[in-house]
PDB file of N, CA and C in Angstrom:
ATOM      1  N   MET A   1      33.121 -16.589 -68.563  1.00  0.00           N
ATOM      2  CA  MET A   1      32.249 -17.397 -68.802  1.00  0.00           C
ATOM      3  C   MET A   1      31.808 -17.674 -70.124  1.00  0.00           C
ATOM      4  N   THR A   2      32.006 -19.070 -70.621  1.00  0.00           N
ATOM      5  CA  THR A   2      31.535 -19.284 -72.433  1.00  0.00           C
ATOM      6  C   THR A   2      30.280 -19.814 -72.419  1.00  0.00           C
ATOM      7  N   VAL A   3      29.634 -19.169 -73.171  1.00  0.00           N
ATOM      8  CA  VAL A   3      28.563 -19.595 -73.619  1.00  0.00           C
ATOM      9  C   VAL A   3      28.283 -20.166 -74.812  1.00  0.00           C
ATOM     10  N   THR A   4      27.335 -21.652 -75.108  1.00  0.00           N
ATOM     11  CA  THR A   4      27.790 -21.988 -76.334  1.00  0.00           C
ATOM     12  C   THR A   4      25.972 -22.185 -76.776  1.00  0.00           C
ATOM     13  N   TRP A   5      25.721 -21.072 -78.172  1.00  0.00           N
ATOM     14  CA  TRP A   5      24.825 -21.233 -78.620  1.00  0.00           C
ATOM     15  C   TRP A   5      24.282 -22.163 -79.962  1.00  0.00           C
ATOM     16  N   GLN A   6      22.898 -22.949 -79.485  1.00  0.00           N
ATOM     17  CA  GLN A   6      22.941 -23.940 -80.457  1.00  0.00           C
ATOM     18  C   GLN A   6      21.249 -24.019 -80.402  1.00  0.00           C
ATOM     19  N   GLY A   7      20.707 -24.514 -81.347  1.00  0.00           N
ATOM     20  CA  GLY A   7      19.176 -24.557 -81.934  1.00  0.00           C
ATOM     21  C   GLY A   7      18.756 -22.697 -82.374  1.00  0.00           C
ATOM     22  N   VAL A   8      17.338 -22.585 -81.899  1.00  0.00           N
ATOM     23  CA  VAL A   8      16.777 -21.465 -82.380  1.00  0.00           C
ATOM     24  C   VAL A   8      16.621 -20.617 -81.509  1.00  0.00           C
ATOM     25  N   CYS A   9      17.345 -19.508 -81.516  1.00  0.00           N
ATOM     26  CA  CYS A   9      17.214 -18.470 -79.909  1.00  0.00           C
ATOM     27  C   CYS A   9      16.991 -17.377 -80.888  1.00  0.00           C
ATOM     28  N   ALA A  10      15.263 -16.875 -80.707  1.00  0.00           N
ATOM     29  CA  ALA A  10      14.755 -15.641 -81.205  1.00  0.00           C
ATOM     30  C   ALA A  10      15.122 -13.939 -80.700  1.00  0.00           C
ATOM     31  N   ALA A  11      15.146 -13.374 -81.063  1.00  0.00           N
ATOM     32  CA  ALA A  11      15.377 -11.635 -80.623  1.00  0.00           C
ATOM     33  C   ALA A  11      13.225 -11.529 -80.548  1.00  0.00           C
ATOM     34  N   VAL A  12      13.137 -11.411 -79.133  1.00  0.00           N
ATOM     35  CA  VAL A  12      12.014 -10.790 -78.472  1.00  0.00           C
ATOM     36  C   VAL A  12      12.019  -9.411 -78.442  1.00  0.00           C
ATOM     37  N   MET A  13      11.298  -8.027 -79.322  1.00  0.00           N
ATOM     38  CA  MET A  13      11.571  -7.037 -78.777  1.00  0.00           C
ATOM     39  C   MET A  13       9.879  -6.940 -78.302  1.00  0.00           C
ATOM     40  N   ALA A  14       9.698  -5.880 -77.203  1.00  0.00           N
ATOM     41  CA  ALA A  14       8.546  -5.437 -76.871  1.00  0.00           C
ATOM     42  C   ALA A  14       7.881  -4.502 -77.931  1.00  0.00           C
ATOM     43  N   GLN A  15       6.137  -4.911 -78.110  1.00  0.00           N
ATOM     44  CA  GLN A  15       5.285  -4.359 -78.916  1.00  0.00           C
ATOM     45  C   GLN A  15       5.013  -3.253 -78.306  1.00  0.00           C
ATOM     46  N   PHE A  16       5.083  -1.888 -79.458  1.00  0.00           N
ATOM     47  CA  PHE A  16       4.271  -0.809 -78.917  1.00  0.00           C
ATOM     48  C   PHE A  16       2.958  -0.705 -79.359  1.00  0.00           C
ATOM     49  N   SER A  17       2.177   0.510 -78.404  1.00  0.00           N
ATOM     50  CA  SER A  17       0.574   0.902 -79.053  1.00  0.00           C
ATOM     51  C   SER A  17       1.135   2.085 -80.074  1.00  0.00           C
ATOM     52  N   ALA A  18       0.057   2.544 -80.516  1.00  0.00           N
ATOM     53  CA  ALA A  18       0.009   4.010 -81.279  1.00  0.00           C
ATOM     54  C   ALA A  18       0.493   5.195 -80.502  1.00  0.00           C
ATOM     55  N   ASP A  19       0.073   4.845 -78.994  1.00  0.00           N
ATOM     56  CA  ASP A  19       0.609   6.068 -77.908  1.00  0.00           C
ATOM     57  C   ASP A  19       2.131   5.314 -77.034  1.00  0.00           C
ATOM     58  N   ASP A  20       2.666   4.841 -77.886  1.00  0.00           N
ATOM     59  CA  ASP A  20       4.135   4.806 -77.701  1.00  0.00           C
ATOM     60  C   ASP A  20       4.093   3.833 -75.913  1.00  0.00           C
ATOM     61  N   SER A  21       3.204   3.163 -75.554  1.00  0.00           N
ATOM     62  CA  SER A  21       2.934   2.592 -74.327  1.00  0.00           C
ATOM     63  C   SER A  21       3.257   0.909 -74.992  1.00  0.00           C
ATOM     64  N   ILE A  22       3.654  -0.179 -74.038  1.00  0.00           N
ATOM     65  CA  ILE A  22       4.090  -0.809 -73.871  1.00  0.00           C
ATOM     66  C   ILE A  22       2.672  -1.855 -74.487  1.00  0.00           C
ATOM     67  N   ASN A  23       2.547  -2.444 -75.424  1.00  0.00           N
ATOM     68  CA  ASN A  23       1.109  -3.345 -75.763  1.00  0.00           C
ATOM     69  C   ASN A  23       1.651  -5.013 -75.061  1.00  0.00           C
ATOM     70  N   PHE A  24       1.276  -4.596 -73.687  1.00  0.00           N
ATOM     71  CA  PHE A  24       2.003  -6.487 -73.675  1.00  0.00           C
ATOM     72  C   PHE A  24       1.056  -7.625 -73.474  1.00  0.00           C
ATOM     73  N   ALA A  25      -0.102  -7.462 -74.221  1.00  0.00           N
ATOM     74  CA  ALA A  25      -0.673  -8.509 -74.456  1.00  0.00           C
ATOM     75  C   ALA A  25      -0.227  -9.161 -75.818  1.00  0.00           C
ATOM     76  N   THR A  26      -0.157  -8.205 -76.806  1.00  0.00           N
ATOM     77  CA  THR A  26       0.685  -8.302 -78.232  1.00  0.00           C
ATOM     78  C   THR A  26       2.039  -9.162 -77.821  1.00  0.00           C
ATOM     79  N   THR A  27       2.952  -8.546 -77.087  1.00  0.00           N
ATOM     80  CA  THR A  27       3.998  -9.275 -76.537  1.00  0.00           C
ATOM     81  C   THR A  27       3.758 -10.467 -76.216  1.00  0.00           C
ATOM     82  N   ALA A  28       3.234 -10.502 -75.273  1.00  0.00           N
ATOM     83  CA  ALA A  28       2.938 -12.101 -74.735  1.00  0.00           C
ATOM     84  C   ALA A  28       2.250 -12.977 -75.583  1.00  0.00           C
ATOM     85  N   ASN A  29       1.716 -12.219 -76.348  1.00  0.00           N
ATOM     86  CA  ASN A  29       1.400 -13.390 -77.648  1.00  0.00           C
ATOM     87  C   ASN A  29       1.923 -13.740 -78.531  1.00  0.00           C
ATOM     88  N   MET A  30       3.110 -12.921 -78.702  1.00  0.00           N
ATOM     89  CA  MET A  30       4.186 -13.011 -79.748  1.00  0.00           C
ATOM     90  C   MET A  30       5.336 -13.808 -78.568  1.00  0.00           C
ATOM     91  N   SER A  31       5.320 -13.968 -77.387  1.00  0.00           N
ATOM     92  CA  SER A  31       6.232 -14.719 -77.014  1.00  0.00           C
ATOM     93  C   SER A  31       5.670 -16.142 -76.979  1.00  0.00           C
ATOM     94  N   ASP A  32       4.191 -16.138 -76.537  1.00  0.00           N
ATOM     95  CA  ASP A  32       3.984 -17.779 -76.679  1.00  0.00           C
ATOM     96  C   ASP A  32       3.843 -18.131 -77.843  1.00  0.00           C
ATOM     97  N   GLU A  33       3.439 -17.568 -78.942  1.00  0.00           N
ATOM     98  CA  GLU A  33       3.726 -18.261 -80.345  1.00  0.00           C
ATOM     99  C   GLU A  33       5.126 -18.832 -80.022  1.00  0.00           C
ATOM    100  N   LEU A  34       6.151 -17.949 -80.184  1.00  0.00           N
ATOM    101  CA  LEU A  34       7.582 -18.594 -80.677  1.00  0.00           C
ATOM    102  C   LEU A  34       7.669 -19.758 -79.408  1.00  0.00           C
ATOM    103  N   ILE A  35       7.016 -20.019 -78.019  1.00  0.00           N
ATOM    104  CA  ILE A  35       7.261 -21.316 -77.375  1.00  0.00           C
ATOM    105  C   ILE A  35       6.283 -22.191 -78.197  1.00  0.00           C
ATOM    106  N   ASN A  36       5.340 -21.880 -78.614  1.00  0.00           N
ATOM    107  CA  ASN A  36       4.654 -22.897 -79.403  1.00  0.00           C
ATOM    108  C   ASN A  36       5.164 -23.720 -80.449  1.00  0.00           C
ATOM    109  N   LYS A  37       5.997 -22.593 -81.073  1.00  0.00           N
ATOM    110  CA  LYS A  37       6.923 -22.812 -82.296  1.00  0.00           C
ATOM    111  C   LYS A  37       8.624 -23.668 -81.590  1.00  0.00           C
ATOM    112  N   ALA A  38       8.452 -23.836 -80.716  1.00  0.00           N
ATOM    113  CA  ALA A  38       9.742 -24.701 -80.179  1.00  0.00           C
ATOM    114  C   ALA A  38      11.255 -24.395 -80.356  1.00  0.00           C
ATOM    115  N   VAL A  39      11.276 -22.638 -79.943  1.00  0.00           N
ATOM    116  CA  VAL A  39      12.559 -21.972 -80.234  1.00  0.00           C
ATOM    117  C   VAL A  39      12.996 -23.083 -79.015  1.00  0.00           C
ATOM    118  N   HIS A  40      14.530 -22.780 -79.049  1.00  0.00           N
ATOM    119  CA  HIS A  40      15.082 -23.158 -78.029  1.00  0.00           C
ATOM    120  C   HIS A  40      15.957 -21.807 -77.030  1.00  0.00           C
ATOM    121  N   GLY A  41      15.006 -21.213 -77.463  1.00  0.00           N
ATOM    122  CA  GLY A  41      15.639 -19.752 -76.521  1.00  0.00           C
ATOM    123  C   GLY A  41      15.157 -18.638 -77.026  1.00  0.00           C
ATOM    124  N   MET A  42      14.960 -17.632 -76.067  1.00  0.00           N
ATOM    125  CA  MET A  42      14.386 -16.537 -76.417  1.00  0.00           C
ATOM    126  C   MET A  42      15.397 -15.248 -75.990  1.00  0.00           C
ATOM    127  N   ILE A  43      15.594 -13.894 -76.819  1.00  0.00           N
ATOM    128  CA  ILE A  43      16.549 -13.018 -76.419  1.00  0.00           C
ATOM    129  C   ILE A  43      15.956 -11.999 -75.917  1.00  0.00           C
ATOM    130  N   ALA A  44      15.540 -11.215 -74.446  1.00  0.00           N
ATOM    131  CA  ALA A  44      14.631  -9.983 -74.814  1.00  0.00           C
ATOM    132  C   ALA A  44      15.650  -8.977 -75.199  1.00  0.00           C
ATOM    133  N   LEU A  45      14.953  -7.917 -76.003  1.00  0.00           N
ATOM    134  CA  LEU A  45      15.890  -6.707 -76.583  1.00  0.00           C
ATOM    135  C   LEU A  45      15.448  -5.486 -76.230  1.00  0.00           C
ATOM    136  N   ALA A  46      16.360  -4.435 -75.915  1.00  0.00           N
ATOM    137  CA  ALA A  46      15.491  -3.385 -75.162  1.00  0.00           C
ATOM    138  C   ALA A  46      16.798  -2.207 -75.676  1.00  0.00           C
ATOM    139  N   ILE A  47      16.201  -1.614 -76.566  1.00  0.00           N
ATOM    140  CA  ILE A  47      16.730  -0.159 -76.780  1.00  0.00           C
ATOM    141  C   ILE A  47      15.892   1.208 -76.486  1.00  0.00           C
ATOM    142  N   ALA A  48      16.469   2.030 -75.583  1.00  0.00           N
ATOM    143  CA  ALA A  48      15.387   2.749 -75.238  1.00  0.00           C
ATOM    144  C   ALA A  48      16.865   4.066 -74.762  1.00  0.00           C
ATOM    145  N   SER A  49      16.077   5.685 -74.647  1.00  0.00           N
ATOM    146  CA  SER A  49      16.916   6.426 -74.172  1.00  0.00           C
ATOM    147  C   SER A  49      16.255   6.300 -72.712  1.00  0.00           C
ATOM    148  N   PRO A  50      17.407   7.265 -72.354  1.00  0.00           N
ATOM    149  CA  PRO A  50      16.773   7.233 -70.541  1.00  0.00           C
ATOM    150  C   PRO A  50      15.370   8.359 -70.320  1.00  0.00           C
ATOM    151  N   THR A  51      14.989   8.661 -71.266  1.00  0.00           N
ATOM    152  CA  THR A  51      13.798   9.129 -71.056  1.00  0.00           C
ATOM    153  C   THR A  51      12.399   8.341 -70.913  1.00  0.00           C
ATOM    154  N   ASN A  52      12.623   7.418 -72.222  1.00  0.00           N
ATOM    155  CA  ASN A  52      11.755   5.978 -72.316  1.00  0.00           C
ATOM    156  C   ASN A  52      11.817   5.290 -70.926  1.00  0.00           C
ATOM    157  N   LEU A  53      13.198   5.009 -70.943  1.00  0.00           N
ATOM    158  CA  LEU A  53      13.179   4.264 -69.366  1.00  0.00           C
ATOM    159  C   LEU A  53      12.449   5.119 -68.256  1.00  0.00           C
ATOM    160  N   THR A  54      12.414   6.168 -68.314  1.00  0.00           N
ATOM    161  CA  THR A  54      11.602   6.810 -67.170  1.00  0.00           C
ATOM    162  C   THR A  54      10.261   6.752 -67.263  1.00  0.00           C
ATOM    163  N   LYS A  55       9.641   6.632 -68.622  1.00  0.00           N
ATOM    164  CA  LYS A  55       8.381   6.486 -68.823  1.00  0.00           C
ATOM    165  C   LYS A  55       7.874   4.822 -68.296  1.00  0.00           C
ATOM    166  N   LEU A  56       8.522   4.314 -68.796  1.00  0.00           N
ATOM    167  CA  LEU A  56       8.560   2.531 -68.687  1.00  0.00           C
ATOM    168  C   LEU A  56       8.056   2.367 -67.291  1.00  0.00           C
ATOM    169  N   LYS A  57       9.124   3.330 -66.388  1.00  0.00           N
ATOM    170  CA  LYS A  57       8.977   2.805 -65.047  1.00  0.00           C
ATOM    171  C   LYS A  57       8.122   3.382 -64.161  1.00  0.00           C
ATOM    172  N   TRP A  58       7.182   4.044 -64.960  1.00  0.00           N
ATOM    173  CA  TRP A  58       5.773   4.683 -64.329  1.00  0.00           C
ATOM    174  C   TRP A  58       4.684   3.650 -65.163  1.00  0.00           C
ATOM    175  N   ALA A  59       4.942   3.189 -65.812  1.00  0.00           N
ATOM    176  CA  ALA A  59       3.878   2.450 -66.884  1.00  0.00           C
ATOM    177  C   ALA A  59       3.548   1.332 -66.209  1.00  0.00           C
ATOM    178  N   ARG A  60       4.331   0.685 -65.177  1.00  0.00           N
ATOM    179  CA  ARG A  60       4.193  -0.530 -64.352  1.00  0.00           C
ATOM    180  C   ARG A  60       3.420   0.210 -62.807  1.00  0.00           C
TER     181      ARG A  60
END
């Protein structure tokens, strides 16, 4: 598979609160702002240890 990257593609990372929980509202606002600025694509980034991924599973 070949991917041709064009335009502005922003890297979007989850925003966290002081207690290390995901701040869904801030993350959504950031994504909305990028859409309003007419980015061509967004790349969701995730860097987490298995322990943090387990915590995220229970956050939902």
